[in-house]
Amino acid sequence: MSSGLRRASRHQEEKDDDVPQWIPGLGQDKPKPRTLGTSFFGYVPDAFVEKTPYLPSEQSADALKKEATVEPVKAAEQVEASLEQEIVQPDSIERNGQRDMDASSDEGVVTEEVIVPRRVGQASAEPWDVHSPIDIEDGLGSAQNRLLIKGGRVVNDDMMQDADVYIEDGIIKQVGTNLHTPGGTRVIEAKGHLVMPGGIDTHTHMQMPFMGTQAIDDFYTGTRAALAGGTTMIMDFALPQRGESLVEAFHRWRTWADPKVCCDYALHVGVTWWSDKVAEEMEELTNELGVNSFKMFMAYKDTWQLCDEDLLQSFKRCRELGALAQVHAENGDAIKENTKKLLDLGITGPEGHELSRPEEVEAEATNRACVLANQVGCPLYICKITSKLAATALGQNLRRGTLVWGETIAAALGTDGSHYYNPCWQHAAGHVMSPPLRNDPKTPSFLMELLDVGDLQTTGTDNCTFSASQKALGKDDFTKIPNGVNGVEDRMSVIWEKGVVSGKMDPCRFVAVTSTNAAKIFNIYPKKGRIAAGSDADIVVWNPHATRVISAKTHHQAVDFNIFEGMEVHGIAEYVVCHGRVVVEEGEVRANSGMGKYVPTPVFNPHVYGRLEERERANTPCKVERAPYDGPVAQLNGQGHMQEGGIPSQQDAFYTRGPTRSGGVNLHDSSFHVSGAQVNDKSPKRPSVKVNNPPGGRSSGSFW
């Protein structure tokens, strides 16, 4: 190495020592948090600490991954060392844009960086984020993804502020103005836009086997479409068949989802039958596999429906495990009877689906579920409420003190059940879902108002899509039409249009019902559902002024039908950031299959169970202390009937409350007995007195 290179290298090392800690030095080290305490945006405790909880089953896998990366890193270091020894002496004054100095140079101190070539492992292109150098999991270094969202208005569920958001390595590091950011940070100009937490869809069914077929949107097309609409996390359902292991169903869904998901996801697990084995597996799912919610069905007679006794047992088990119980609230017995009646009348079209499931059966099941859960002190979550009566029943239980939360879906907020009576069979069948949409044009507005006032808290989609040919399985019998509609892509825009644009809610409430409330209820807040230092960098840059027309021809889902067809909506997710990386940019989706992660949901959520202990202590029944009863006791025969002569004839036997303090007869006792023998049978009769002139004068015999 020439003296010029040595001098340049020595100067660069001294220069690195003088650089403040906030600015990253040369090499592959991650930037360190600034330790100066004099600045307003000083060091934030635990800002760089990994927030993701690790389950026991994941720790071993993580350890294996770290061991697997040790050897490639060592190999890379050896290659770099060999390359340094083979550096050719410079012959020219300028090479690759960097000036080179020799020992005889009389120019001042060298200020240019000296670039040392380094050979890196092969990294495949990432179309979803062309600004990312090397993947984090590639053992050759850190991606150091840096992103600054500048000039927007940050909207959380409780506040709005004009602020910039700085993101690094998938985590929000700073929120504020005049942020100090390292060089090389990509900047997104968000002036005139809203910067909100990514949406959380609480209710999806990707590639679910159902009614003899399988949902056409799988975990890739479904989550890719979700990102296009501003949703950065979905919550799907692992639903075992009757008699099947819950744990096996969970692992099957994980096998389907992990290689395909483009965004983060969690899993609810269905309790479709009941036994001691189910109770044991629920404990395994909560303690080891990161599940904190279980769904029970009050509908789908003879397949998934649980009777009231099994519902009570499952609610009790959820309470013991600190999990949240969910229910699909419809009276399955009434639906079965209604269905038989309609088919006998020759009603086989899609309108029969809505007629067989009137609002009363949803409202009755909603109220019954609340009552049963309240008897055992179990927090309850009612899924996909679609009717006024059911929403009203939930609100009444909520005001009576029941720990219950309600979810409605985008379909019920954006359209209604009049489509079931459309003369086009395909159009009508495309809207079939359970509970059905209601044939009342005022229902969507009613449900939106309940979201605003808090009677309903979350919004999902029940996204379970089937093509026209799949729906045609029920062309001659509405009971065979696969239930399910789309919505995962359009949920955010539909709620913005029907809620915010219509003036029913403000942007803060919009964030609450599309993201934050779900994160709180399922115990992933503030990791999800909030824009703050330390939260996951799942962010939507929302353009509230842009418009688009929803259509099956332009949406990103695989299904060939859209229930919101032709609806013009305001509000577009112009940029979507997932894990700190831009996955949607000006309408172009750059998502990659498998980039999403499974998100564990811990049990004993403080938001759900925090007030339960105090409430039970305050409402514990108290025993009434009283003197033991020492009066007569009736005698019963073997058939449970009272024996003859079982009622004593003594006068004292007629009194069970005892005399008053003054020794008189307690007037709360009755002196009459149906056996015929009365207490005053042997008492002398009192003389009767006829009153001729009662107070107020005589009632007869007047002069007229």
Foldseek 3Di string as FASTA:
>chain_A
DFPQVVLQVVVLVVVQVPDFQQADHDDFDARDAGCDDPDPLHGDPPLVPDPFDDFPVVVVVVVVLVVVLPVVQVVQVVQLVVQVVVDDDDDDQDDPNAGTDHPPDPDDRGDTDDDRDGDDDDDDQFLLFNLFDHDCSNSNHHSFQWEKEAQAWEFALVDIGGWMWIDTQQFTADTHPPDDHYPPYHYHYQHLWYKFFFFEFEEEAAQHDDLNHTFPHHQALLQLLLLQQRHQEYEYEQEDKVPDQQVVSVVVNCVRHQQFHLHAYAYEYEDQDDDVRNLVVVLCCQRGVQYQEYEAEQADPPIRHDDLVRLLVVLLSSVVNQGEYEYAQFHHVQLVVQQVVCVVVVPAALVSLQRSGDPVRRLVRLLVSQVSNVVNLGAYEYPADQFPNNLVSLLVSVVVPGRYAYEHELPSQQDAQPQCPDPDRLSNLQQAAPVGGHPDRCRNVVVLLCLAVPSHFAYHHHARHDASVQQCCRVSHNVSRTHHHHDSNCRLQSSCFRCVVVPSHHVSSSLRHRWQVVCQVLVNPPLGSGRDSNHGPWMFTKNQADKDFDALVPRSGPYNGHNRHGDITGMGRQWTAHSSRTQHHRSDGSTDTSPHYYRRRHGNRCSRNVCSVVVCVVPPDDDDDDDDFDAADFDADPVRHTDPPRQDLALCSQARPAADPVRHGDPVGDQDDPVPRGNCPVPDDDDDDDDQADPPGHPDDDPD
